[in-house]
C-alpha atoms as a PDB file:
ATOM      1  CA  MET A   1      28.174   2.224-127.319  1.00  0.00           C
ATOM      2  CA  LEU A   2      27.172   5.808-127.447  1.00  0.00           C
ATOM      3  CA  ARG A   3      24.050   4.957-125.499  1.00  0.00           C
ATOM      4  CA  LEU A   4      26.215   3.296-122.801  1.00  0.00           C
ATOM      5  CA  VAL A   5      28.516   6.276-122.572  1.00  0.00           C
ATOM      6  CA  GLY A   6      25.517   8.572-122.334  1.00  0.00           C
ATOM      7  CA  SER A   7      24.059   6.502-119.527  1.00  0.00           C
ATOM      8  CA  VAL A   8      27.344   6.549-117.624  1.00  0.00           C
ATOM      9  CA  ALA A   9      27.646  10.292-118.058  1.00  0.00           C
ATOM     10  CA  PHE A  10      24.078  10.780-116.864  1.00  0.00           C
ATOM     11  CA  LEU A  11      24.769   8.669-113.794  1.00  0.00           C
ATOM     12  CA  ILE A  12      27.929  10.640-113.052  1.00  0.00           C
ATOM     13  CA  ILE A  13      26.072  13.942-113.388  1.00  0.00           C
ATOM     14  CA  LEU A  14      23.255  12.631-111.174  1.00  0.00           C
ATOM     15  CA  ALA A  15      25.763  11.463-108.545  1.00  0.00           C
ATOM     16  CA  GLN A  16      27.484  14.828-108.563  1.00  0.00           C
ATOM     17  CA  ALA A  17      24.122  16.584-108.143  1.00  0.00           C
ATOM     18  CA  VAL A  18      23.181  14.380-105.240  1.00  0.00           C
ATOM     19  CA  ALA A  19      26.620  14.841-103.635  1.00  0.00           C
ATOM     20  CA  PHE A  20      26.316  18.605-104.075  1.00  0.00           C
ATOM     21  CA  ILE A  21      22.938  18.695-102.500  1.00  0.00           C
ATOM     22  CA  PHE A  22      24.116  16.451 -99.584  1.00  0.00           C
ATOM     23  CA  PHE A  23      27.359  18.266 -98.872  1.00  0.00           C
ATOM     24  CA  TYR A  24      25.742  21.665 -99.362  1.00  0.00           C
ATOM     25  CA  ASP A  25      23.374  21.085 -96.365  1.00  0.00           C
ATOM     26  CA  LEU A  26      25.893  19.055 -94.288  1.00  0.00           C
ATOM     27  CA  PRO A  27      27.220  21.907 -91.995  1.00  0.00           C
ATOM     28  CA  SER A  28      23.723  22.879 -90.917  1.00  0.00           C
ATOM     29  CA  LYS A  29      22.862  19.232 -90.273  1.00  0.00           C
ATOM     30  CA  LEU A  30      26.065  18.767 -88.305  1.00  0.00           C
ATOM     31  CA  GLU A  31      25.281  21.857 -86.223  1.00  0.00           C
ATOM     32  CA  GLU A  32      21.768  20.614 -85.562  1.00  0.00           C
ATOM     33  CA  TYR A  33      23.186  17.215 -84.643  1.00  0.00           C
ATOM     34  CA  SER A  34      25.665  18.806 -82.220  1.00  0.00           C
ATOM     35  CA  LYS A  35      22.876  20.851 -80.658  1.00  0.00           C
ATOM     36  CA  ALA A  36      20.737  17.764 -80.385  1.00  0.00           C
ATOM     37  CA  VAL A  37      23.603  15.846 -78.744  1.00  0.00           C
ATOM     38  CA  ALA A  38      24.184  18.738 -76.296  1.00  0.00           C
ATOM     39  CA  ARG A  39      20.486  18.873 -75.417  1.00  0.00           C
ATOM     40  CA  MET A  40      20.486  15.113 -74.944  1.00  0.00           C
ATOM     41  CA  ARG A  41      23.531  15.354 -72.681  1.00  0.00           C
ATOM     42  CA  GLU A  42      21.880  18.152 -70.676  1.00  0.00           C
ATOM     43  CA  GLN A  43      18.737  16.070 -70.374  1.00  0.00           C
ATOM     44  CA  GLN A  44      20.835  13.074 -69.291  1.00  0.00           C
ATOM     45  CA  GLY A  45      22.569  15.232 -66.643  1.00  0.00           C
ATOM     46  CA  ALA A  46      19.250  16.574 -65.431  1.00  0.00           C
ATOM     47  CA  MET A  47      17.840  13.056 -65.356  1.00  0.00           C
ATOM     48  CA  ARG A  48      20.929  11.867 -63.452  1.00  0.00           C
ATOM     49  CA  LYS A  49      20.531  14.689 -60.897  1.00  0.00           C
ATOM     50  CA  GLU A  50      16.841  13.884 -60.585  1.00  0.00           C
ATOM     51  CA  ALA A  51      17.710  10.221 -60.132  1.00  0.00           C
ATOM     52  CA  ASN A  52      20.259  11.101 -57.414  1.00  0.00           C
ATOM     53  CA  HIS A  53      17.699  13.360 -55.732  1.00  0.00           C
ATOM     54  CA  LEU A  54      15.089  10.632 -55.875  1.00  0.00           C
ATOM     55  CA  GLU A  55      17.603   8.127 -54.461  1.00  0.00           C
ATOM     56  CA  SER A  56      18.411  10.509 -51.597  1.00  0.00           C
ATOM     57  CA  GLU A  57      14.702  10.940 -50.897  1.00  0.00           C
ATOM     58  CA  ARG A  58      14.251   7.167 -51.083  1.00  0.00           C
ATOM     59  CA  ILE A  59      17.063   6.648 -48.543  1.00  0.00           C
ATOM     60  CA  ALA A  60      15.606   9.373 -46.275  1.00  0.00           C
ATOM     61  CA  LEU A  61      12.148   7.840 -46.582  1.00  0.00           C
ATOM     62  CA  ARG A  62      13.601   4.423 -45.800  1.00  0.00           C
ATOM     63  CA  SER A  63      15.357   5.834 -42.707  1.00  0.00           C
ATOM     64  CA  GLU A  64      12.144   7.559 -41.630  1.00  0.00           C
ATOM     65  CA  SER A  65      10.230   4.337 -42.247  1.00  0.00           C
ATOM     66  CA  ASP A  66      12.748   2.402 -40.120  1.00  0.00           C
ATOM     67  CA  ARG A  67      12.472   5.021 -37.365  1.00  0.00           C
ATOM     68  CA  LEU A  68       8.689   4.890 -37.465  1.00  0.00           C
ATOM     69  CA  GLU A  69       8.828   1.093 -37.384  1.00  0.00           C
ATOM     70  CA  ARG A  70      11.092   1.201 -34.312  1.00  0.00           C
ATOM     71  CA  GLU A  71       8.740   3.673 -32.665  1.00  0.00           C
ATOM     72  CA  ARG A  72       5.785   1.457 -33.555  1.00  0.00           C
ATOM     73  CA  LEU A  73       7.512  -1.547 -32.046  1.00  0.00           C
ATOM     74  CA  GLY A  74       8.369   0.535 -28.942  1.00  0.00           C
ATOM     75  CA  VAL A  75       4.776   1.715 -28.640  1.00  0.00           C
ATOM     76  CA  GLU A  76       3.505  -1.830 -29.064  1.00  0.00           C
ATOM     77  CA  GLY A  77       5.979  -2.997 -26.399  1.00  0.00           C
ATOM     78  CA  GLU A  78       4.824  -0.258 -24.019  1.00  0.00           C
ATOM     79  CA  ARG A  79       1.206  -1.109 -24.818  1.00  0.00           C
ATOM     80  CA  ASP A  80       1.835  -4.789 -24.103  1.00  0.00           C
ATOM     81  CA  ALA A  81       3.627  -3.868 -20.857  1.00  0.00           C
ATOM     82  CA  LEU A  82       0.724  -1.596 -19.912  1.00  0.00           C
ATOM     83  CA  LYS A  83      -1.783  -4.352 -20.682  1.00  0.00           C
ATOM     84  CA  SER A  84       0.264  -6.762 -18.577  1.00  0.00           C
ATOM     85  CA  ALA A  85       0.410  -4.224 -15.735  1.00  0.00           C
ATOM     86  CA  ILE A  86      -3.352  -3.678 -16.017  1.00  0.00           C
ATOM     87  CA  ARG A  87      -3.955  -7.430 -15.874  1.00  0.00           C
ATOM     88  CA  ARG A  88      -1.693  -7.741 -12.824  1.00  0.00           C
ATOM     89  CA  SER A  89      -3.476  -4.790 -11.228  1.00  0.00           C
ATOM     90  CA  GLU A  90      -6.859  -6.377 -11.908  1.00  0.00           C
ATOM     91  CA  LEU A  91      -5.645  -9.670 -10.441  1.00  0.00           C
ATOM     92  CA  GLU A  92      -4.290  -7.829  -7.375  1.00  0.00           C
ATOM     93  CA  ARG A  93      -7.540  -5.906  -7.018  1.00  0.00           C
ATOM     94  CA  SER A  94      -9.521  -9.121  -7.319  1.00  0.00           C
ATOM     95  CA  LYS A  95      -7.234 -10.783  -4.747  1.00  0.00           C
ATOM     96  CA  LEU A  96      -7.554  -7.804  -2.407  1.00  0.00           C
ATOM     97  CA  GLY A  97     -11.311  -7.885  -2.875  1.00  0.00           C
ATOM     98  CA  ARG A  98     -11.406 -11.552  -1.888  1.00  0.00           C
ATOM     99  CA  GLU A  99      -9.137 -10.922   1.091  1.00  0.00           C
ATOM    100  CA  LYS A 100     -11.268  -7.941   2.114  1.00  0.00           C
ATOM    101  CA  GLN A 101     -14.383 -10.097   1.893  1.00  0.00           C
ATOM    102  CA  LEU A 102     -12.690 -12.786   3.990  1.00  0.00           C
ATOM    103  CA  LEU A 103     -11.655 -10.187   6.567  1.00  0.00           C
ATOM    104  CA  GLU A 104     -15.178  -8.774   6.646  1.00  0.00           C
ATOM    105  CA  ASP A 105     -16.578 -12.295   7.070  1.00  0.00           C
ATOM    106  CA  GLU A 106     -14.070 -12.989   9.849  1.00  0.00           C
ATOM    107  CA  GLN A 107     -14.858  -9.662  11.488  1.00  0.00           C
ATOM    108  CA  GLN A 108     -18.566 -10.380  11.289  1.00  0.00           C
ATOM    109  CA  SER A 109     -17.948 -13.839  12.718  1.00  0.00           C
ATOM    110  CA  LEU A 110     -15.863 -12.330  15.525  1.00  0.00           C
ATOM    111  CA  GLU A 111     -18.583  -9.760  16.217  1.00  0.00           C
ATOM    112  CA  GLN A 112     -21.158 -12.527  16.404  1.00  0.00           C
ATOM    113  CA  GLU A 113     -18.853 -14.557  18.648  1.00  0.00           C
ATOM    114  CA  ARG A 114     -18.226 -11.482  20.819  1.00  0.00           C
ATOM    115  CA  GLU A 115     -21.964 -10.863  21.122  1.00  0.00           C
ATOM    116  CA  ARG A 116     -22.542 -14.509  21.982  1.00  0.00           C
ATOM    117  CA  TRP A 117     -19.850 -14.404  24.666  1.00  0.00           C
ATOM    118  CA  LYS A 118     -21.230 -11.117  25.960  1.00  0.00           C
ATOM    119  CA  GLU A 119     -24.693 -12.594  26.284  1.00  0.00           C
ATOM    120  CA  GLU A 120     -23.233 -15.733  27.845  1.00  0.00           C
ATOM    121  CA  ARG A 121     -21.244 -13.647  30.329  1.00  0.00           C
ATOM    122  CA  GLU A 122     -24.261 -11.522  31.163  1.00  0.00           C
ATOM    123  CA  ARG A 123     -26.310 -14.670  31.804  1.00  0.00           C
ATOM    124  CA  TRP A 124     -23.461 -16.051  33.891  1.00  0.00           C
ATOM    125  CA  GLU A 125     -23.152 -12.790  35.831  1.00  0.00           C
ATOM    126  CA  ARG A 126     -26.906 -12.698  36.463  1.00  0.00           C
ATOM    127  CA  ALA A 127     -26.870 -16.316  37.584  1.00  0.00           C
ATOM    128  CA  ARG A 128     -23.849 -15.681  39.770  1.00  0.00           C
ATOM    129  CA  GLU A 129     -25.350 -12.564  41.291  1.00  0.00           C
ATOM    130  CA  GLY A 130     -28.393 -14.544  42.306  1.00  0.00           C
ATOM    131  CA  HIS A 131     -26.160 -17.346  43.528  1.00  0.00           C
ATOM    132  CA  ILE A 132     -25.131 -16.097  46.972  1.00  0.00           C
ATOM    133  CA  PRO A 133     -24.557 -18.358  49.970  1.00  0.00           C
ATOM    134  CA  GLN A 134     -27.472 -17.464  52.208  1.00  0.00           C
ATOM    135  CA  GLY A 135     -26.702 -17.203  55.924  1.00  0.00           C
ATOM    136  CA  ALA A 136     -22.937 -16.783  55.489  1.00  0.00           C
ATOM    137  CA  SER A 137     -21.251 -13.653  56.809  1.00  0.00           C
ATOM    138  CA  TRP A 138     -17.882 -12.006  57.044  1.00  0.00           C
ATOM    139  CA  ASP A 139     -16.165 -11.323  60.309  1.00  0.00           C
ATOM    140  CA  PRO A 140     -15.255  -7.670  60.759  1.00  0.00           C
ATOM    141  CA  LEU A 141     -12.700  -6.903  58.078  1.00  0.00           C
ATOM    142  CA  TRP A 142      -9.162  -5.966  58.982  1.00  0.00           C
ATOM    143  CA  PRO A 143      -6.828  -3.754  56.990  1.00  0.00           C
ATOM    144  CA  ALA A 144      -3.256  -4.853  56.364  1.00  0.00           C
ATOM    145  CA  TRP A 145      -0.725  -3.015  58.511  1.00  0.00           C
ATOM    146  CA  ASP A 146       1.224  -1.789  55.454  1.00  0.00           C
ATOM    147  CA  CYS A 147       0.227  -0.172  52.167  1.00  0.00           C
ATOM    148  CA  ARG A 148       0.434  -2.264  49.002  1.00  0.00           C
ATOM    149  CA  ALA A 149       0.853   0.729  46.650  1.00  0.00           C
ATOM    150  CA  TYR A 150       0.140   4.437  46.419  1.00  0.00           C
ATOM    151  CA  GLY A 151      -3.370   4.874  47.864  1.00  0.00           C
ATOM    152  CA  LYS A 152      -3.930   1.104  48.133  1.00  0.00           C
ATOM    153  CA  ARG A 153      -4.308  -1.161  51.129  1.00  0.00           C
ATOM    154  CA  GLU A 154      -5.368  -4.782  51.326  1.00  0.00           C
ATOM    155  CA  TYR A 155      -8.266  -5.842  53.594  1.00  0.00           C
ATOM    156  CA  TRP A 156      -9.019  -9.364  54.770  1.00  0.00           C
ATOM    157  CA  GLY A 157     -11.776 -11.178  56.546  1.00  0.00           C
ATOM    158  CA  ILE A 158     -12.947 -14.658  57.593  1.00  0.00           C
ATOM    159  CA  LEU A 159     -16.135 -16.198  56.154  1.00  0.00           C
ATOM    160  CA  ASN A 160     -18.472 -17.744  58.726  1.00  0.00           C
ATOM    161  CA  ASN A 161     -21.639 -19.882  58.602  1.00  0.00           C
ATOM    162  CA  ILE A 162     -20.987 -21.435  55.181  1.00  0.00           C
ATOM    163  CA  PRO A 163     -24.068 -23.451  54.033  1.00  0.00           C
ATOM    164  CA  GLU A 164     -23.624 -27.209  53.752  1.00  0.00           C
ATOM    165  CA  ALA A 165     -24.382 -27.189  50.003  1.00  0.00           C
ATOM    166  CA  TRP A 166     -21.424 -24.885  49.377  1.00  0.00           C
ATOM    167  CA  THR A 167     -17.727 -25.506  49.305  1.00  0.00           C
ATOM    168  CA  ASP A 168     -15.599 -23.009  51.213  1.00  0.00           C
ATOM    169  CA  LEU A 169     -13.979 -21.667  48.044  1.00  0.00           C
ATOM    170  CA  ASP A 170     -17.257 -21.250  46.083  1.00  0.00           C
ATOM    171  CA  ALA A 171     -18.941 -19.565  49.053  1.00  0.00           C
ATOM    172  CA  CYS A 172     -15.970 -17.231  49.527  1.00  0.00           C
ATOM    173  CA  MET A 173     -15.799 -16.254  45.831  1.00  0.00           C
ATOM    174  CA  ASN A 174     -19.559 -15.528  45.707  1.00  0.00           C
ATOM    175  CA  MET A 175     -19.993 -13.653  48.996  1.00  0.00           C
ATOM    176  CA  PRO A 176     -20.424  -9.862  48.679  1.00  0.00           C
ATOM    177  CA  VAL A 177     -19.198  -7.296  51.207  1.00  0.00           C
ATOM    178  CA  GLU A 178     -19.187  -3.556  51.828  1.00  0.00           C
ATOM    179  CA  ILE A 179     -15.908  -1.753  52.505  1.00  0.00           C
ATOM    180  CA  LYS A 180     -15.858   1.976  53.367  1.00  0.00           C
ATOM    181  CA  GLY A 181     -19.274   2.541  51.804  1.00  0.00           C
ATOM    182  CA  VAL A 182     -18.575   0.637  48.570  1.00  0.00           C
ATOM    183  CA  SER A 183     -20.364  -2.665  47.813  1.00  0.00           C
ATOM    184  CA  ILE A 184     -18.121  -5.377  46.337  1.00  0.00           C
ATOM    185  CA  LYS A 185     -19.567  -8.500  44.736  1.00  0.00           C
ATOM    186  CA  ARG A 186     -16.758 -10.872  45.620  1.00  0.00           C
ATOM    187  CA  PRO A 187     -13.193 -10.964  47.001  1.00  0.00           C
ATOM    188  CA  ASP A 188     -10.165 -10.528  44.775  1.00  0.00           C
ATOM    189  CA  ARG A 189      -8.893 -13.843  46.065  1.00  0.00           C
ATOM    190  CA  CYS A 190      -9.679 -16.503  48.655  1.00  0.00           C
ATOM    191  CA  GLY A 191      -7.390 -18.818  50.562  1.00  0.00           C
ATOM    192  CA  TYR A 192      -6.482 -20.475  53.827  1.00  0.00           C
ATOM    193  CA  VAL A 193      -4.051 -19.141  56.403  1.00  0.00           C
ATOM    194  CA  GLU A 194      -1.796 -21.511  58.270  1.00  0.00           C
ATOM    195  CA  GLY A 195      -3.194 -22.211  61.713  1.00  0.00           C
ATOM    196  CA  SER A 196      -6.799 -21.246  60.785  1.00  0.00           C
ATOM    197  CA  PRO A 197      -9.404 -23.799  59.611  1.00  0.00           C
ATOM    198  CA  ARG A 198     -11.643 -21.167  58.033  1.00  0.00           C
ATOM    199  CA  ILE A 199     -11.237 -19.626  54.617  1.00  0.00           C
ATOM    200  CA  HIS A 200     -10.122 -16.004  54.261  1.00  0.00           C
ATOM    201  CA  GLY A 201     -11.148 -13.396  51.668  1.00  0.00           C
ATOM    202  CA  TYR A 202      -8.899 -10.574  50.461  1.00  0.00           C
ATOM    203  CA  TRP A 203      -9.739  -7.250  48.808  1.00  0.00           C
ATOM    204  CA  MET A 204      -7.463  -4.567  47.388  1.00  0.00           C
ATOM    205  CA  VAL A 205      -9.010  -1.203  48.318  1.00  0.00           C
ATOM    206  CA  ASP A 206      -7.880   1.938  46.481  1.00  0.00           C
ATOM    207  CA  TRP A 207     -10.428   4.452  47.818  1.00  0.00           C
ATOM    208  CA  ASN A 208     -10.450   6.434  51.074  1.00  0.00           C
ATOM    209  CA  GLN A 209      -6.927   5.277  51.889  1.00  0.00           C
ATOM    210  CA  THR A 210      -5.463   8.637  52.799  1.00  0.00           C
ATOM    211  CA  ASP A 211      -2.870   7.112  55.122  1.00  0.00           C
ATOM    212  CA  CYS A 212      -1.397   5.325  52.072  1.00  0.00           C
ATOM    213  CA  LYS A 213      -0.514   8.655  50.455  1.00  0.00           C
ATOM    214  CA  PRO A 214       2.518  10.710  51.544  1.00  0.00           C
ATOM    215  CA  TRP A 215       1.926  14.091  53.189  1.00  0.00           C
ATOM    216  CA  HIS A 216       4.005  16.886  54.712  1.00  0.00           C
ATOM    217  CA  GLN A 217       4.080  17.630  58.424  1.00  0.00           C
ATOM    218  CA  ASP A 218       3.654  21.134  59.732  1.00  0.00           C
ATOM    219  CA  PHE A 219       5.835  23.727  58.013  1.00  0.00           C
ATOM    220  CA  HIS A 220       8.307  25.746  60.114  1.00  0.00           C
ATOM    221  CA  ASP A 221      10.092  29.009  59.382  1.00  0.00           C
ATOM    222  CA  MET A 222      13.685  27.938  59.955  1.00  0.00           C
ATOM    223  CA  VAL A 223      15.020  31.536  59.932  1.00  0.00           C
ATOM    224  CA  ARG A 224      12.575  32.646  62.606  1.00  0.00           C
ATOM    225  CA  SER A 225      13.164  29.521  64.644  1.00  0.00           C
ATOM    226  CA  ARG A 226      16.904  30.144  64.663  1.00  0.00           C
ATOM    227  CA  THR A 227      16.346  33.786  65.719  1.00  0.00           C
ATOM    228  CA  MET A 228      14.110  32.733  68.553  1.00  0.00           C
ATOM    229  CA  ILE A 229      16.637  30.280  69.945  1.00  0.00           C
ATOM    230  CA  GLY A 230      19.521  32.736  69.445  1.00  0.00           C
ATOM    231  CA  THR A 231      21.236  30.907  66.594  1.00  0.00           C
ATOM    232  CA  PRO A 232      23.593  33.278  64.799  1.00  0.00           C
END
């Protein structure tokens, strides 16, 4: 019994010692705990601010990324439009090149045709020049009584002695003549006049036709003339 009481007393003393030791250091532990909680709260506030700052930067970066994406899409659209314009320009240039080549070919063909016609005309002119009705002659030519235009007067004549191998019209249109010192290969026109069986040739002459140009008569001093005749 005594042993049991002793054990209980020992346990009570031990519990009191432990409680003394615990409660003796409790204020300092509480103060350290409060400081630790304050530091933790400060760290949480700093972390919250940092998180808000990072979120703001994330939003700004996202906005900048969206802007850059829109610019990229705009640049790609402009690039595609430029490529399309370049392709159209190349097609136009190719089309113009083909049209230019066609025009050059046509021009060359026309030049060749013009040269051919020129040679043909020269051969025809040479053949026609050598094709003159031999033995035919013009009667003395007569000028028209009136002028046809300023400095122009028409002349006409009758063709005689037409060879049998020639028609009147062919002989008339191939018969040369000389008018006022100028040789003319053929008439301007040929035709018949009512009442005459022979063909007539007509030429429009615009040289040495001074009587087909207006001129002034002699000048008179009207003041002196009036004085001489006593006009007041």
